[in-house]
Amino acid sequence: MKSDITIEYCPKCGWLLRAAYMAQELLTTFEEDLGGVSLRPSETAGSYKILLGEETLFDRKRDNGFPDIKELKQQVRDRVNPGKSLGHSDRKA
């Protein structure tokens, strides 16, 4: 079964476009590995979280800022398809 990602964002903070961009990047990179990416407006002011199933990959408050898309893709890859090459976004050996 393919994993789903949820991006929970604060609509009052204007983070919908950031969430949509990250969703597009994840769907493009992991089109065969993910069941889907959903965007969910948060009721908590200032919230921005990225969840893979029930696992919180990223929490803006916990992690002090927003994730770099390269690092986010690496985290997702390591969980859904560890053998997948991310090309130019991959770690340097």
C-alpha atoms as a PDB file:
ATOM      1  CA  MET A   1       0.000   0.000   0.000  1.00  0.00           C
ATOM      2  CA  LYS A   2       1.293   3.460  -0.920  1.00  0.00           C
ATOM      3  CA  SER A   3       1.787   6.082   1.760  1.00  0.00           C
ATOM      4  CA  ASP A   4      -0.078   9.375   1.880  1.00  0.00           C
ATOM      5  CA  ILE A   5       1.392  12.734   2.821  1.00  0.00           C
ATOM      6  CA  THR A   6      -0.560  15.514   4.496  1.00  0.00           C
ATOM      7  CA  ILE A   7       0.673  19.075   4.548  1.00  0.00           C
ATOM      8  CA  GLU A   8      -1.075  21.045   7.281  1.00  0.00           C
ATOM      9  CA  TYR A   9      -0.644  24.791   6.900  1.00  0.00           C
ATOM     10  CA  CYS A  10      -1.863  28.002   8.554  1.00  0.00           C
ATOM     11  CA  PRO A  11      -4.180  29.786   6.095  1.00  0.00           C
ATOM     12  CA  LYS A  12      -4.022  33.028   8.105  1.00  0.00           C
ATOM     13  CA  CYS A  13      -0.235  33.082   7.638  1.00  0.00           C
ATOM     14  CA  GLY A  14      -0.593  32.791   3.855  1.00  0.00           C
ATOM     15  CA  TRP A  15       1.230  29.467   3.583  1.00  0.00           C
ATOM     16  CA  LEU A  16      -1.111  27.798   1.068  1.00  0.00           C
ATOM     17  CA  LEU A  17       1.201  28.537  -1.889  1.00  0.00           C
ATOM     18  CA  ARG A  18       4.198  27.103  -0.008  1.00  0.00           C
ATOM     19  CA  ALA A  19       2.178  23.974   0.821  1.00  0.00           C
ATOM     20  CA  ALA A  20       0.991  23.628  -2.788  1.00  0.00           C
ATOM     21  CA  TYR A  21       4.556  24.012  -4.096  1.00  0.00           C
ATOM     22  CA  MET A  22       5.835  21.300  -1.738  1.00  0.00           C
ATOM     23  CA  ALA A  23       2.923  19.032  -2.673  1.00  0.00           C
ATOM     24  CA  GLN A  24       3.699  19.488  -6.373  1.00  0.00           C
ATOM     25  CA  GLU A  25       7.395  18.732  -5.827  1.00  0.00           C
ATOM     26  CA  LEU A  26       6.615  15.573  -3.836  1.00  0.00           C
ATOM     27  CA  LEU A  27       4.009  14.348  -6.330  1.00  0.00           C
ATOM     28  CA  THR A  28       6.362  14.941  -9.248  1.00  0.00           C
ATOM     29  CA  THR A  29       9.300  13.191  -7.578  1.00  0.00           C
ATOM     30  CA  PHE A  30       7.352  10.310  -6.012  1.00  0.00           C
ATOM     31  CA  GLU A  31       4.468   9.836  -8.466  1.00  0.00           C
ATOM     32  CA  GLU A  32       4.825   6.042  -8.343  1.00  0.00           C
ATOM     33  CA  ASP A  33       5.596   5.829  -4.617  1.00  0.00           C
ATOM     34  CA  LEU A  34       2.888   7.940  -2.961  1.00  0.00           C
ATOM     35  CA  GLY A  35      -0.841   7.367  -2.740  1.00  0.00           C
ATOM     36  CA  GLY A  36      -1.382  11.116  -2.672  1.00  0.00           C
ATOM     37  CA  VAL A  37      -0.586  14.424  -1.051  1.00  0.00           C
ATOM     38  CA  SER A  38      -3.340  16.368   0.667  1.00  0.00           C
ATOM     39  CA  LEU A  39      -3.408  19.959   1.866  1.00  0.00           C
ATOM     40  CA  ARG A  40      -5.178  20.623   5.146  1.00  0.00           C
ATOM     41  CA  PRO A  41      -5.772  24.084   6.592  1.00  0.00           C
ATOM     42  CA  SER A  42      -4.831  24.132  10.266  1.00  0.00           C
ATOM     43  CA  GLU A  43      -6.972  25.590  13.013  1.00  0.00           C
ATOM     44  CA  THR A  44      -3.790  26.364  14.964  1.00  0.00           C
ATOM     45  CA  ALA A  45      -2.209  29.711  14.115  1.00  0.00           C
ATOM     46  CA  GLY A  46       1.338  29.430  12.804  1.00  0.00           C
ATOM     47  CA  SER A  47       1.134  25.696  12.195  1.00  0.00           C
ATOM     48  CA  TYR A  48       2.977  24.069   9.283  1.00  0.00           C
ATOM     49  CA  LYS A  49       3.437  20.308   9.458  1.00  0.00           C
ATOM     50  CA  ILE A  50       4.249  17.585   6.972  1.00  0.00           C
ATOM     51  CA  LEU A  51       3.052  14.108   7.871  1.00  0.00           C
ATOM     52  CA  LEU A  52       3.732  10.775   6.195  1.00  0.00           C
ATOM     53  CA  GLY A  53       0.828   8.703   7.409  1.00  0.00           C
ATOM     54  CA  GLU A  54       0.889   9.267  11.170  1.00  0.00           C
ATOM     55  CA  GLU A  55       4.605  10.171  11.315  1.00  0.00           C
ATOM     56  CA  THR A  56       5.450  13.860  11.566  1.00  0.00           C
ATOM     57  CA  LEU A  57       8.343  14.451   9.187  1.00  0.00           C
ATOM     58  CA  PHE A  58       8.398  18.165   9.784  1.00  0.00           C
ATOM     59  CA  ASP A  59       6.884  20.635  12.241  1.00  0.00           C
ATOM     60  CA  ARG A  60       7.733  24.326  11.752  1.00  0.00           C
ATOM     61  CA  LYS A  61       7.586  25.055  15.481  1.00  0.00           C
ATOM     62  CA  ARG A  62       9.621  22.001  16.497  1.00  0.00           C
ATOM     63  CA  ASP A  63      12.172  22.373  13.692  1.00  0.00           C
ATOM     64  CA  ASN A  64      12.465  26.186  13.828  1.00  0.00           C
ATOM     65  CA  GLY A  65      11.550  27.113  10.260  1.00  0.00           C
ATOM     66  CA  PHE A  66      10.552  25.546   6.990  1.00  0.00           C
ATOM     67  CA  PRO A  67      12.165  22.490   5.406  1.00  0.00           C
ATOM     68  CA  ASP A  68      14.497  22.723   2.452  1.00  0.00           C
ATOM     69  CA  ILE A  69      12.813  20.865  -0.429  1.00  0.00           C
ATOM     70  CA  LYS A  70      15.972  18.789  -1.001  1.00  0.00           C
ATOM     71  CA  GLU A  71      16.016  17.601   2.608  1.00  0.00           C
ATOM     72  CA  LEU A  72      12.265  16.919   2.560  1.00  0.00           C
ATOM     73  CA  LYS A  73      12.595  14.786  -0.567  1.00  0.00           C
ATOM     74  CA  GLN A  74      15.446  12.854   1.049  1.00  0.00           C
ATOM     75  CA  GLN A  75      13.339  12.178   4.156  1.00  0.00           C
ATOM     76  CA  VAL A  76      10.392  10.979   2.064  1.00  0.00           C
ATOM     77  CA  ARG A  77      12.628   8.873  -0.188  1.00  0.00           C
ATOM     78  CA  ASP A  78      14.298   7.210   2.813  1.00  0.00           C
ATOM     79  CA  ARG A  79      10.872   6.066   4.019  1.00  0.00           C
ATOM     80  CA  VAL A  80       8.954   5.195   0.844  1.00  0.00           C
ATOM     81  CA  ASN A  81      11.644   4.061  -1.615  1.00  0.00           C
ATOM     82  CA  PRO A  82      15.156   3.968  -0.098  1.00  0.00           C
ATOM     83  CA  GLY A  83      16.761   2.788  -3.348  1.00  0.00           C
ATOM     84  CA  LYS A  84      15.400   5.674  -5.425  1.00  0.00           C
ATOM     85  CA  SER A  85      17.916   8.130  -6.870  1.00  0.00           C
ATOM     86  CA  LEU A  86      16.970  11.775  -6.489  1.00  0.00           C
ATOM     87  CA  GLY A  87      19.431  12.881  -9.155  1.00  0.00           C
ATOM     88  CA  HIS A  88      20.790  16.360  -8.427  1.00  0.00           C
ATOM     89  CA  SER A  89      18.826  16.471  -5.147  1.00  0.00           C
ATOM     90  CA  ASP A  90      20.598  13.408  -3.803  1.00  0.00           C
ATOM     91  CA  ARG A  91      23.119  13.399  -0.995  1.00  0.00           C
ATOM     92  CA  LYS A  92      26.770  13.698  -1.901  1.00  0.00           C
ATOM     93  CA  ALA A  93      28.829  10.643  -1.007  1.00  0.00           C
END
